[in-house]
C-alpha atoms as a PDB file:
ATOM      1  CA  MET A   1    -108.711 -94.000  95.780  1.00  0.00           C
ATOM      2  CA  ILE A   2    -105.930 -91.481  95.357  1.00  0.00           C
ATOM      3  CA  GLU A   3    -102.556 -92.261  96.823  1.00  0.00           C
ATOM      4  CA  HIS A   4    -100.275 -89.616  98.216  1.00  0.00           C
ATOM      5  CA  VAL A   5     -96.824 -89.852  96.680  1.00  0.00           C
ATOM      6  CA  PRO A   6     -94.168 -87.764  98.527  1.00  0.00           C
ATOM      7  CA  MET A   7     -92.511 -85.154  96.266  1.00  0.00           C
ATOM      8  CA  GLU A   8     -89.078 -86.647  96.961  1.00  0.00           C
ATOM      9  CA  ASP A   9     -90.127 -90.073  95.622  1.00  0.00           C
ATOM     10  CA  HIS A  10     -91.572 -88.363  92.574  1.00  0.00           C
ATOM     11  CA  ARG A  11     -88.277 -86.557  91.909  1.00  0.00           C
ATOM     12  CA  LYS A  12     -86.343 -89.789  92.309  1.00  0.00           C
ATOM     13  CA  GLY A  13     -88.611 -91.461  89.752  1.00  0.00           C
ATOM     14  CA  ALA A  14     -88.256 -88.621  87.327  1.00  0.00           C
ATOM     15  CA  ALA A  15     -84.430 -88.667  87.705  1.00  0.00           C
ATOM     16  CA  ALA A  16     -84.390 -92.440  87.102  1.00  0.00           C
ATOM     17  CA  LEU A  17     -86.601 -91.949  83.975  1.00  0.00           C
ATOM     18  CA  ASP A  18     -84.234 -89.228  82.708  1.00  0.00           C
ATOM     19  CA  GLU A  19     -81.207 -91.441  83.311  1.00  0.00           C
ATOM     20  CA  ALA A  20     -82.911 -94.312  81.435  1.00  0.00           C
ATOM     21  CA  ARG A  21     -83.712 -92.060  78.461  1.00  0.00           C
ATOM     22  CA  LEU A  22     -80.119 -90.793  78.300  1.00  0.00           C
ATOM     23  CA  ARG A  23     -78.824 -94.363  78.441  1.00  0.00           C
ATOM     24  CA  GLN A  24     -81.239 -95.372  75.662  1.00  0.00           C
ATOM     25  CA  GLN A  25     -80.185 -92.332  73.562  1.00  0.00           C
ATOM     26  CA  ALA A  26     -76.525 -93.226  73.967  1.00  0.00           C
ATOM     27  CA  ILE A  27     -77.197 -96.812  72.887  1.00  0.00           C
ATOM     28  CA  GLY A  28     -79.026 -95.508  69.780  1.00  0.00           C
ATOM     29  CA  VAL A  29     -76.105 -93.273  68.790  1.00  0.00           C
ATOM     30  CA  LYS A  30     -73.662 -96.137  69.218  1.00  0.00           C
ATOM     31  CA  LEU A  31     -75.833 -98.493  67.158  1.00  0.00           C
ATOM     32  CA  ARG A  32     -76.129 -95.931  64.372  1.00  0.00           C
ATOM     33  CA  GLN A  33     -72.324 -95.466  64.349  1.00  0.00           C
ATOM     34  CA  MET A  34     -71.796 -99.227  64.138  1.00  0.00           C
ATOM     35  CA  PHE A  35     -74.352 -99.535  61.341  1.00  0.00           C
ATOM     36  CA  ASP A  36     -72.674 -96.747  59.381  1.00  0.00           C
ATOM     37  CA  ASP A  37     -69.324 -98.484  59.833  1.00  0.00           C
ATOM     38  CA  VAL A  38     -70.722-101.749  58.473  1.00  0.00           C
ATOM     39  CA  VAL A  39     -72.378-100.019  55.523  1.00  0.00           C
ATOM     40  CA  ASN A  40     -69.122 -98.251  54.583  1.00  0.00           C
ATOM     41  CA  GLU A  41     -66.949-101.372  54.719  1.00  0.00           C
ATOM     42  CA  GLN A  42     -65.501-102.476  51.430  1.00  0.00           C
ATOM     43  CA  VAL A  43     -67.018-105.649  49.916  1.00  0.00           C
ATOM     44  CA  PRO A  44     -64.439-108.464  49.720  1.00  0.00           C
ATOM     45  CA  ASP A  45     -63.352-109.413  46.123  1.00  0.00           C
ATOM     46  CA  GLU A  46     -64.448-113.035  46.734  1.00  0.00           C
ATOM     47  CA  PHE A  47     -67.958-111.981  47.560  1.00  0.00           C
ATOM     48  CA  LEU A  48     -68.181-109.733  44.556  1.00  0.00           C
ATOM     49  CA  GLU A  49     -67.112-112.624  42.381  1.00  0.00           C
ATOM     50  CA  ILE A  50     -69.855-114.824  43.817  1.00  0.00           C
ATOM     51  CA  LEU A  51     -72.429-112.041  43.156  1.00  0.00           C
ATOM     52  CA  ARG A  52     -71.219-111.721  39.542  1.00  0.00           C
ATOM     53  CA  LYS A  53     -71.560-115.464  38.978  1.00  0.00           C
ATOM     54  CA  ALA A  54     -74.981-115.449  40.498  1.00  0.00           C
ATOM     55  CA  GLU A  55     -76.115-112.650  38.113  1.00  0.00           C
ATOM     56  CA  LYS A  56     -75.073-114.591  35.007  1.00  0.00           C
ATOM     57  CA  PRO A  57     -77.811-116.695  33.292  1.00  0.00           C
ATOM     58  CA  ALA A  58     -77.496-120.476  33.829  1.00  0.00           C
ATOM     59  CA  GLY A  59     -75.025-122.159  31.463  1.00  0.00           C
ATOM     60  CA  LYS A  60     -72.965-118.990  30.714  1.00  0.00           C
ATOM     61  CA  GLU A  61     -69.775-119.000  32.782  1.00  0.00           C
END
């Protein structure tokens, strides 16, 4: 059975879908910016020292 959907309801649904896509796109942009900020942060010296120690073979300090 085919239902009749008034054109006005169809437009409201399309507008809501467009709004949701725009919102989703804005969230994606913000997440990428945050990720880039984290990637570009300087690594603390204490953490680098831990990594250096972990790379050395056992028994060689």
